[in-house]
Amino acid sequence: MTQVQKVSVALTPEFIALLKDAVGTGEYTSASEVIRDALRQWKLRRSISGLGAEELRQSWEEGIASGKGQFKSIEGIRKEAHRRARRAARAAT
């Protein structure tokens, strides 16, 4: 059986109203269930954002390791982006 520990949490009137509404409409059976669901979502969001940072770091390292880039300026990158966007727009029609 899961060990449960009680904690005290202070909430703003806005959050109290949302919590009561969620229980009152039957979306949740108790205030504790609302809080547990919120914490699960928070935990998931944190794990996803951490994963994104690691993927970004890996992509950055791969880019550096791949050697010198083909564009010498931000203007060159911008022109290439516009060219690709026009090509994609034509292909979509």
PDB file of N, CA and C in Angstrom:
ATOM      1  N   MET A   1       0.835  -1.176   0.000  1.00  0.00           N
ATOM      2  CA  MET A   1       0.000   0.000   0.000  1.00  0.00           C
ATOM      3  C   MET A   1       0.883   1.244   0.000  1.00  0.00           C
ATOM      4  N   THR A   2       0.501   2.248  -0.744  1.00  0.00           N
ATOM      5  CA  THR A   2       1.257   3.480  -0.840  1.00  0.00           C
ATOM      6  C   THR A   2       1.175   4.264   0.461  1.00  0.00           C
ATOM      7  N   GLN A   3       2.318   4.757   0.893  1.00  0.00           N
ATOM      8  CA  GLN A   3       2.352   5.567   2.104  1.00  0.00           C
ATOM      9  C   GLN A   3       1.909   6.981   1.747  1.00  0.00           C
ATOM     10  N   VAL A   4       0.977   7.529   2.508  1.00  0.00           N
ATOM     11  CA  VAL A   4       0.430   8.854   2.269  1.00  0.00           C
ATOM     12  C   VAL A   4       0.817   9.751   3.424  1.00  0.00           C
ATOM     13  N   GLN A   5       1.216  10.971   3.089  1.00  0.00           N
ATOM     14  CA  GLN A   5       1.579  11.932   4.126  1.00  0.00           C
ATOM     15  C   GLN A   5       0.771  13.201   3.874  1.00  0.00           C
ATOM     16  N   LYS A   6       0.199  13.753   4.924  1.00  0.00           N
ATOM     17  CA  LYS A   6      -0.592  14.973   4.799  1.00  0.00           C
ATOM     18  C   LYS A   6       0.325  16.184   4.852  1.00  0.00           C
ATOM     19  N   VAL A   7       0.010  17.178   4.007  1.00  0.00           N
ATOM     20  CA  VAL A   7       0.714  18.456   4.017  1.00  0.00           C
ATOM     21  C   VAL A   7      -0.319  19.572   3.958  1.00  0.00           C
ATOM     22  N   SER A   8       0.074  20.730   4.405  1.00  0.00           N
ATOM     23  CA  SER A   8      -0.809  21.885   4.363  1.00  0.00           C
ATOM     24  C   SER A   8      -0.358  22.793   3.220  1.00  0.00           C
ATOM     25  N   VAL A   9      -1.311  23.239   2.407  1.00  0.00           N
ATOM     26  CA  VAL A   9      -0.996  24.087   1.260  1.00  0.00           C
ATOM     27  C   VAL A   9      -1.887  25.318   1.312  1.00  0.00           C
ATOM     28  N   ALA A  10      -1.294  26.493   1.151  1.00  0.00           N
ATOM     29  CA  ALA A  10      -2.061  27.740   1.110  1.00  0.00           C
ATOM     30  C   ALA A  10      -2.347  28.083  -0.355  1.00  0.00           C
ATOM     31  N   LEU A  11      -3.617  28.326  -0.668  1.00  0.00           N
ATOM     32  CA  LEU A  11      -4.029  28.640  -2.036  1.00  0.00           C
ATOM     33  C   LEU A  11      -4.741  29.986  -2.079  1.00  0.00           C
ATOM     34  N   THR A  12      -4.654  30.638  -3.219  1.00  0.00           N
ATOM     35  CA  THR A  12      -5.367  31.899  -3.407  1.00  0.00           C
ATOM     36  C   THR A  12      -6.861  31.614  -3.548  1.00  0.00           C
ATOM     37  N   PRO A  13      -7.697  32.608  -3.341  1.00  0.00           N
ATOM     38  CA  PRO A  13      -9.140  32.408  -3.524  1.00  0.00           C
ATOM     39  C   PRO A  13      -9.489  31.902  -4.931  1.00  0.00           C
ATOM     40  N   GLU A  14      -8.748  32.348  -5.923  1.00  0.00           N
ATOM     41  CA  GLU A  14      -8.994  31.887  -7.300  1.00  0.00           C
ATOM     42  C   GLU A  14      -8.786  30.377  -7.414  1.00  0.00           C
ATOM     43  N   PHE A  15      -7.684  29.873  -6.846  1.00  0.00           N
ATOM     44  CA  PHE A  15      -7.417  28.442  -6.910  1.00  0.00           C
ATOM     45  C   PHE A  15      -8.403  27.649  -6.060  1.00  0.00           C
ATOM     46  N   ILE A  16      -8.800  28.185  -4.943  1.00  0.00           N
ATOM     47  CA  ILE A  16      -9.803  27.519  -4.100  1.00  0.00           C
ATOM     48  C   ILE A  16     -11.110  27.368  -4.884  1.00  0.00           C
ATOM     49  N   ALA A  17     -11.514  28.431  -5.588  1.00  0.00           N
ATOM     50  CA  ALA A  17     -12.748  28.375  -6.375  1.00  0.00           C
ATOM     51  C   ALA A  17     -12.632  27.331  -7.485  1.00  0.00           C
ATOM     52  N   LEU A  18     -11.487  27.278  -8.159  1.00  0.00           N
ATOM     53  CA  LEU A  18     -11.288  26.277  -9.215  1.00  0.00           C
ATOM     54  C   LEU A  18     -11.335  24.864  -8.646  1.00  0.00           C
ATOM     55  N   LEU A  19     -10.704  24.678  -7.506  1.00  0.00           N
ATOM     56  CA  LEU A  19     -10.679  23.378  -6.860  1.00  0.00           C
ATOM     57  C   LEU A  19     -12.092  22.936  -6.476  1.00  0.00           C
ATOM     58  N   LYS A  20     -12.836  23.842  -5.834  1.00  0.00           N
ATOM     59  CA  LYS A  20     -14.210  23.520  -5.428  1.00  0.00           C
ATOM     60  C   LYS A  20     -15.096  23.239  -6.633  1.00  0.00           C
ATOM     61  N   ASP A  21     -14.901  23.986  -7.707  1.00  0.00           N
ATOM     62  CA  ASP A  21     -15.694  23.769  -8.915  1.00  0.00           C
ATOM     63  C   ASP A  21     -15.404  22.394  -9.516  1.00  0.00           C
ATOM     64  N   ALA A  22     -14.110  22.006  -9.549  1.00  0.00           N
ATOM     65  CA  ALA A  22     -13.739  20.707 -10.102  1.00  0.00           C
ATOM     66  C   ALA A  22     -14.372  19.568  -9.313  1.00  0.00           C
ATOM     67  N   VAL A  23     -14.417  19.710  -7.996  1.00  0.00           N
ATOM     68  CA  VAL A  23     -15.038  18.679  -7.160  1.00  0.00           C
ATOM     69  C   VAL A  23     -16.560  18.765  -7.272  1.00  0.00           C
ATOM     70  N   GLY A  24     -17.087  19.987  -7.254  1.00  0.00           N
ATOM     71  CA  GLY A  24     -18.538  20.185  -7.309  1.00  0.00           C
ATOM     72  C   GLY A  24     -19.178  19.681  -8.588  1.00  0.00           C
ATOM     73  N   THR A  25     -18.470  19.771  -9.706  1.00  0.00           N
ATOM     74  CA  THR A  25     -19.018  19.299 -10.984  1.00  0.00           C
ATOM     75  C   THR A  25     -18.834  17.798 -11.184  1.00  0.00           C
ATOM     76  N   GLY A  26     -18.094  17.173 -10.249  1.00  0.00           N
ATOM     77  CA  GLY A  26     -17.884  15.735 -10.358  1.00  0.00           C
ATOM     78  C   GLY A  26     -16.673  15.355 -11.192  1.00  0.00           C
ATOM     79  N   GLU A  27     -15.927  16.349 -11.666  1.00  0.00           N
ATOM     80  CA  GLU A  27     -14.729  16.058 -12.446  1.00  0.00           C
ATOM     81  C   GLU A  27     -13.711  15.293 -11.585  1.00  0.00           C
ATOM     82  N   TYR A  28     -13.663  15.635 -10.308  1.00  0.00           N
ATOM     83  CA  TYR A  28     -12.813  14.968  -9.324  1.00  0.00           C
ATOM     84  C   TYR A  28     -13.677  14.621  -8.120  1.00  0.00           C
ATOM     85  N   THR A  29     -13.227  13.622  -7.359  1.00  0.00           N
ATOM     86  CA  THR A  29     -14.021  13.217  -6.187  1.00  0.00           C
ATOM     87  C   THR A  29     -13.604  13.933  -4.907  1.00  0.00           C
ATOM     88  N   SER A  30     -12.411  14.547  -4.917  1.00  0.00           N
ATOM     89  CA  SER A  30     -11.944  15.236  -3.704  1.00  0.00           C
ATOM     90  C   SER A  30     -10.904  16.292  -4.062  1.00  0.00           C
ATOM     91  N   ALA A  31     -10.678  17.199  -3.120  1.00  0.00           N
ATOM     92  CA  ALA A  31      -9.647  18.217  -3.303  1.00  0.00           C
ATOM     93  C   ALA A  31      -8.276  17.554  -3.431  1.00  0.00           C
ATOM     94  N   SER A  32      -8.046  16.499  -2.677  1.00  0.00           N
ATOM     95  CA  SER A  32      -6.765  15.792  -2.751  1.00  0.00           C
ATOM     96  C   SER A  32      -6.526  15.235  -4.153  1.00  0.00           C
ATOM     97  N   GLU A  33      -7.573  14.727  -4.770  1.00  0.00           N
ATOM     98  CA  GLU A  33      -7.442  14.186  -6.122  1.00  0.00           C
ATOM     99  C   GLU A  33      -7.059  15.285  -7.110  1.00  0.00           C
ATOM    100  N   VAL A  34      -7.624  16.476  -6.954  1.00  0.00           N
ATOM    101  CA  VAL A  34      -7.281  17.612  -7.819  1.00  0.00           C
ATOM    102  C   VAL A  34      -5.799  17.944  -7.667  1.00  0.00           C
ATOM    103  N   ILE A  35      -5.340  18.039  -6.432  1.00  0.00           N
ATOM    104  CA  ILE A  35      -3.952  18.390  -6.157  1.00  0.00           C
ATOM    105  C   ILE A  35      -3.003  17.315  -6.687  1.00  0.00           C
ATOM    106  N   ARG A  36      -3.349  16.039  -6.482  1.00  0.00           N
ATOM    107  CA  ARG A  36      -2.494  14.959  -6.993  1.00  0.00           C
ATOM    108  C   ARG A  36      -2.395  15.012  -8.516  1.00  0.00           C
ATOM    109  N   ASP A  37      -3.516  15.277  -9.184  1.00  0.00           N
ATOM    110  CA  ASP A  37      -3.498  15.377 -10.643  1.00  0.00           C
ATOM    111  C   ASP A  37      -2.633  16.563 -11.090  1.00  0.00           C
ATOM    112  N   ALA A  38      -2.760  17.685 -10.401  1.00  0.00           N
ATOM    113  CA  ALA A  38      -1.948  18.860 -10.736  1.00  0.00           C
ATOM    114  C   ALA A  38      -0.463  18.553 -10.564  1.00  0.00           C
ATOM    115  N   LEU A  39      -0.119  17.841  -9.508  1.00  0.00           N
ATOM    116  CA  LEU A  39       1.288  17.486  -9.283  1.00  0.00           C
ATOM    117  C   LEU A  39       1.801  16.500 -10.330  1.00  0.00           C
ATOM    118  N   ARG A  40       0.950  15.561 -10.759  1.00  0.00           N
ATOM    119  CA  ARG A  40       1.360  14.631 -11.824  1.00  0.00           C
ATOM    120  C   ARG A  40       1.639  15.395 -13.119  1.00  0.00           C
ATOM    121  N   GLN A  41       0.771  16.347 -13.449  1.00  0.00           N
ATOM    122  CA  GLN A  41       0.973  17.155 -14.658  1.00  0.00           C
ATOM    123  C   GLN A  41       2.249  17.987 -14.553  1.00  0.00           C
ATOM    124  N   TRP A  42       2.502  18.555 -13.397  1.00  0.00           N
ATOM    125  CA  TRP A  42       3.707  19.349 -13.162  1.00  0.00           C
ATOM    126  C   TRP A  42       4.956  18.477 -13.329  1.00  0.00           C
ATOM    127  N   LYS A  43       4.900  17.271 -12.763  1.00  0.00           N
ATOM    128  CA  LYS A  43       6.026  16.346 -12.862  1.00  0.00           C
ATOM    129  C   LYS A  43       6.288  15.976 -14.324  1.00  0.00           C
ATOM    130  N   LEU A  44       5.232  15.718 -15.079  1.00  0.00           N
ATOM    131  CA  LEU A  44       5.367  15.385 -16.495  1.00  0.00           C
ATOM    132  C   LEU A  44       5.959  16.553 -17.275  1.00  0.00           C
ATOM    133  N   ARG A  45       5.464  17.755 -17.025  1.00  0.00           N
ATOM    134  CA  ARG A  45       5.964  18.950 -17.722  1.00  0.00           C
ATOM    135  C   ARG A  45       7.448  19.160 -17.434  1.00  0.00           C
ATOM    136  N   ARG A  46       7.854  18.946 -16.201  1.00  0.00           N
ATOM    137  CA  ARG A  46       9.273  19.082 -15.844  1.00  0.00           C
ATOM    138  C   ARG A  46      10.123  18.052 -16.562  1.00  0.00           C
ATOM    139  N   SER A  47       9.642  16.823 -16.650  1.00  0.00           N
ATOM    140  CA  SER A  47      10.440  15.788 -17.320  1.00  0.00           C
ATOM    141  C   SER A  47      10.534  16.058 -18.818  1.00  0.00           C
ATOM    142  N   ILE A  48       9.462  16.571 -19.409  1.00  0.00           N
ATOM    143  CA  ILE A  48       9.484  16.896 -20.837  1.00  0.00           C
ATOM    144  C   ILE A  48      10.419  18.064 -21.116  1.00  0.00           C
ATOM    145  N   SER A  49      10.361  19.102 -20.286  1.00  0.00           N
ATOM    146  CA  SER A  49      11.220  20.258 -20.529  1.00  0.00           C
ATOM    147  C   SER A  49      12.683  19.884 -20.336  1.00  0.00           C
ATOM    148  N   GLY A  50      12.978  19.003 -19.404  1.00  0.00           N
ATOM    149  CA  GLY A  50      14.353  18.546 -19.226  1.00  0.00           C
ATOM    150  C   GLY A  50      14.836  17.746 -20.418  1.00  0.00           C
ATOM    151  N   LEU A  51      13.958  16.934 -20.965  1.00  0.00           N
ATOM    152  CA  LEU A  51      14.289  16.153 -22.145  1.00  0.00           C
ATOM    153  C   LEU A  51      14.572  17.069 -23.314  1.00  0.00           C
ATOM    154  N   GLY A  52      13.780  18.121 -23.469  1.00  0.00           N
ATOM    155  CA  GLY A  52      13.987  19.058 -24.563  1.00  0.00           C
ATOM    156  C   GLY A  52      15.339  19.739 -24.481  1.00  0.00           C
ATOM    157  N   ALA A  53      15.758  20.091 -23.282  1.00  0.00           N
ATOM    158  CA  ALA A  53      17.048  20.749 -23.103  1.00  0.00           C
ATOM    159  C   ALA A  53      18.184  19.807 -23.486  1.00  0.00           C
ATOM    160  N   GLU A  54      18.057  18.550 -23.109  1.00  0.00           N
ATOM    161  CA  GLU A  54      19.100  17.577 -23.457  1.00  0.00           C
ATOM    162  C   GLU A  54      19.159  17.363 -24.966  1.00  0.00           C
ATOM    163  N   GLU A  55      18.010  17.268 -25.620  1.00  0.00           N
ATOM    164  CA  GLU A  55      17.994  17.114 -27.073  1.00  0.00           C
ATOM    165  C   GLU A  55      18.598  18.331 -27.753  1.00  0.00           C
ATOM    166  N   LEU A  56      18.300  19.525 -27.246  1.00  0.00           N
ATOM    167  CA  LEU A  56      18.871  20.742 -27.802  1.00  0.00           C
ATOM    168  C   LEU A  56      20.390  20.742 -27.643  1.00  0.00           C
ATOM    169  N   ARG A  57      20.866  20.355 -26.472  1.00  0.00           N
ATOM    170  CA  ARG A  57      22.310  20.294 -26.220  1.00  0.00           C
ATOM    171  C   ARG A  57      22.984  19.317 -27.186  1.00  0.00           C
ATOM    172  N   GLN A  58      22.354  18.161 -27.388  1.00  0.00           N
ATOM    173  CA  GLN A  58      22.917  17.154 -28.291  1.00  0.00           C
ATOM    174  C   GLN A  58      22.948  17.675 -29.722  1.00  0.00           C
ATOM    175  N   SER A  59      21.875  18.323 -30.160  1.00  0.00           N
ATOM    176  CA  SER A  59      21.835  18.888 -31.510  1.00  0.00           C
ATOM    177  C   SER A  59      22.910  19.955 -31.687  1.00  0.00           C
ATOM    178  N   TRP A  60      23.080  20.780 -30.666  1.00  0.00           N
ATOM    179  CA  TRP A  60      24.108  21.827 -30.714  1.00  0.00           C
ATOM    180  C   TRP A  60      25.489  21.193 -30.902  1.00  0.00           C
ATOM    181  N   GLU A  61      25.783  20.168 -30.107  1.00  0.00           N
ATOM    182  CA  GLU A  61      27.084  19.503 -30.193  1.00  0.00           C
ATOM    183  C   GLU A  61      27.287  18.845 -31.550  1.00  0.00           C
ATOM    184  N   GLU A  62      26.236  18.231 -32.104  1.00  0.00           N
ATOM    185  CA  GLU A  62      26.330  17.619 -33.429  1.00  0.00           C
ATOM    186  C   GLU A  62      26.597  18.678 -34.496  1.00  0.00           C
ATOM    187  N   GLY A  63      25.933  19.817 -34.357  1.00  0.00           N
ATOM    188  CA  GLY A  63      26.150  20.901 -35.316  1.00  0.00           C
ATOM    189  C   GLY A  63      27.572  21.418 -35.283  1.00  0.00           C
ATOM    190  N   ILE A  64      28.114  21.620 -34.105  1.00  0.00           N
ATOM    191  CA  ILE A  64      29.493  22.091 -33.964  1.00  0.00           C
ATOM    192  C   ILE A  64      30.456  21.061 -34.556  1.00  0.00           C
ATOM    193  N   ALA A  65      30.196  19.789 -34.268  1.00  0.00           N
ATOM    194  CA  ALA A  65      31.081  18.726 -34.753  1.00  0.00           C
ATOM    195  C   ALA A  65      31.001  18.533 -36.266  1.00  0.00           C
ATOM    196  N   SER A  66      29.909  18.997 -36.885  1.00  0.00           N
ATOM    197  CA  SER A  66      29.737  18.763 -38.326  1.00  0.00           C
ATOM    198  C   SER A  66      30.609  19.671 -39.185  1.00  0.00           C
ATOM    199  N   GLY A  67      31.235  20.669 -38.574  1.00  0.00           N
ATOM    200  CA  GLY A  67      32.148  21.517 -39.336  1.00  0.00           C
ATOM    201  C   GLY A  67      31.532  22.861 -39.673  1.00  0.00           C
ATOM    202  N   LYS A  68      32.232  23.550 -40.543  1.00  0.00           N
ATOM    203  CA  LYS A  68      31.849  24.908 -40.924  1.00  0.00           C
ATOM    204  C   LYS A  68      30.499  24.906 -41.658  1.00  0.00           C
ATOM    205  N   GLY A  69      29.652  25.882 -41.330  1.00  0.00           N
ATOM    206  CA  GLY A  69      28.346  26.004 -41.963  1.00  0.00           C
ATOM    207  C   GLY A  69      28.433  26.609 -43.360  1.00  0.00           C
ATOM    208  N   GLN A  70      27.350  26.514 -44.107  1.00  0.00           N
ATOM    209  CA  GLN A  70      27.363  27.030 -45.471  1.00  0.00           C
ATOM    210  C   GLN A  70      27.037  28.516 -45.541  1.00  0.00           C
ATOM    211  N   PHE A  71      26.422  29.084 -44.504  1.00  0.00           N
ATOM    212  CA  PHE A  71      26.030  30.492 -44.531  1.00  0.00           C
ATOM    213  C   PHE A  71      27.043  31.337 -43.776  1.00  0.00           C
ATOM    214  N   LYS A  72      27.345  32.501 -44.339  1.00  0.00           N
ATOM    215  CA  LYS A  72      28.328  33.387 -43.728  1.00  0.00           C
ATOM    216  C   LYS A  72      27.679  34.498 -42.921  1.00  0.00           C
ATOM    217  N   SER A  73      26.350  34.657 -43.044  1.00  0.00           N
ATOM    218  CA  SER A  73      25.675  35.743 -42.325  1.00  0.00           C
ATOM    219  C   SER A  73      24.235  35.350 -42.027  1.00  0.00           C
ATOM    220  N   ILE A  74      23.636  36.102 -41.130  1.00  0.00           N
ATOM    221  CA  ILE A  74      22.223  35.873 -40.813  1.00  0.00           C
ATOM    222  C   ILE A  74      21.357  36.195 -42.023  1.00  0.00           C
ATOM    223  N   GLU A  75      21.799  37.142 -42.840  1.00  0.00           N
ATOM    224  CA  GLU A  75      21.045  37.483 -44.054  1.00  0.00           C
ATOM    225  C   GLU A  75      20.989  36.288 -45.010  1.00  0.00           C
ATOM    226  N   GLY A  76      22.079  35.556 -45.126  1.00  0.00           N
ATOM    227  CA  GLY A  76      22.084  34.358 -45.960  1.00  0.00           C
ATOM    228  C   GLY A  76      21.114  33.310 -45.440  1.00  0.00           C
ATOM    229  N   ILE A  77      21.063  33.162 -44.138  1.00  0.00           N
ATOM    230  CA  ILE A  77      20.127  32.212 -43.517  1.00  0.00           C
ATOM    231  C   ILE A  77      18.692  32.663 -43.785  1.00  0.00           C
ATOM    232  N   ARG A  78      18.442  33.956 -43.641  1.00  0.00           N
ATOM    233  CA  ARG A  78      17.102  34.509 -43.856  1.00  0.00           C
ATOM    234  C   ARG A  78      16.649  34.283 -45.304  1.00  0.00           C
ATOM    235  N   LYS A  79      17.532  34.549 -46.265  1.00  0.00           N
ATOM    236  CA  LYS A  79      17.185  34.345 -47.683  1.00  0.00           C
ATOM    237  C   LYS A  79      16.864  32.881 -47.962  1.00  0.00           C
ATOM    238  N   GLU A  80      17.664  31.990 -47.404  1.00  0.00           N
ATOM    239  CA  GLU A  80      17.411  30.559 -47.601  1.00  0.00           C
ATOM    240  C   GLU A  80      16.081  30.147 -46.965  1.00  0.00           C
ATOM    241  N   ALA A  81      15.772  30.680 -45.807  1.00  0.00           N
ATOM    242  CA  ALA A  81      14.497  30.370 -45.151  1.00  0.00           C
ATOM    243  C   ALA A  81      13.324  30.842 -45.999  1.00  0.00           C
ATOM    244  N   HIS A  82      13.419  32.043 -46.565  1.00  0.00           N
ATOM    245  CA  HIS A  82      12.350  32.553 -47.439  1.00  0.00           C
ATOM    246  C   HIS A  82      12.222  31.698 -48.692  1.00  0.00           C
ATOM    247  N   ARG A  83      13.360  31.295 -49.261  1.00  0.00           N
ATOM    248  CA  ARG A  83      13.329  30.443 -50.457  1.00  0.00           C
ATOM    249  C   ARG A  83      12.624  29.125 -50.148  1.00  0.00           C
ATOM    250  N   ARG A  84      12.954  28.525 -49.016  1.00  0.00           N
ATOM    251  CA  ARG A  84      12.314  27.253 -48.650  1.00  0.00           C
ATOM    252  C   ARG A  84      10.829  27.433 -48.365  1.00  0.00           C
ATOM    253  N   ALA A  85      10.457  28.534 -47.731  1.00  0.00           N
ATOM    254  CA  ALA A  85       9.043  28.792 -47.441  1.00  0.00           C
ATOM    255  C   ALA A  85       8.251  28.966 -48.726  1.00  0.00           C
ATOM    256  N   ARG A  86       8.822  29.690 -49.699  1.00  0.00           N
ATOM    257  CA  ARG A  86       8.130  29.855 -50.996  1.00  0.00           C
ATOM    258  C   ARG A  86       7.964  28.515 -51.698  1.00  0.00           C
ATOM    259  N   ARG A  87       9.009  27.697 -51.656  1.00  0.00           N
ATOM    260  CA  ARG A  87       8.952  26.380 -52.292  1.00  0.00           C
ATOM    261  C   ARG A  87       7.880  25.514 -51.627  1.00  0.00           C
ATOM    262  N   ALA A  88       7.824  25.542 -50.306  1.00  0.00           N
ATOM    263  CA  ALA A  88       6.824  24.756 -49.584  1.00  0.00           C
ATOM    264  C   ALA A  88       5.414  25.250 -49.883  1.00  0.00           C
ATOM    265  N   ALA A  89       5.239  26.572 -49.999  1.00  0.00           N
ATOM    266  CA  ALA A  89       3.923  27.142 -50.302  1.00  0.00           C
ATOM    267  C   ALA A  89       3.478  26.710 -51.702  1.00  0.00           C
ATOM    268  N   ARG A  90       4.398  26.720 -52.659  1.00  0.00           N
ATOM    269  CA  ARG A  90       4.051  26.277 -54.022  1.00  0.00           C
ATOM    270  C   ARG A  90       3.682  24.794 -54.041  1.00  0.00           C
ATOM    271  N   ALA A  91       4.415  24.004 -53.289  1.00  0.00           N
ATOM    272  CA  ALA A  91       4.153  22.568 -53.247  1.00  0.00           C
ATOM    273  C   ALA A  91       2.809  22.249 -52.591  1.00  0.00           C
ATOM    274  N   ALA A  92       2.373  23.131 -51.665  1.00  0.00           N
ATOM    275  CA  ALA A  92       1.113  22.907 -50.959  1.00  0.00           C
ATOM    276  C   ALA A  92      -0.099  23.246 -51.802  1.00  0.00           C
ATOM    277  N   THR A  93       0.072  24.019 -52.862  1.00  0.00           N
ATOM    278  CA  THR A  93      -1.065  24.411 -53.701  1.00  0.00           C
ATOM    279  C   THR A  93      -1.269  23.505 -54.864  1.00  0.00           C
TER     280      THR A  93
END
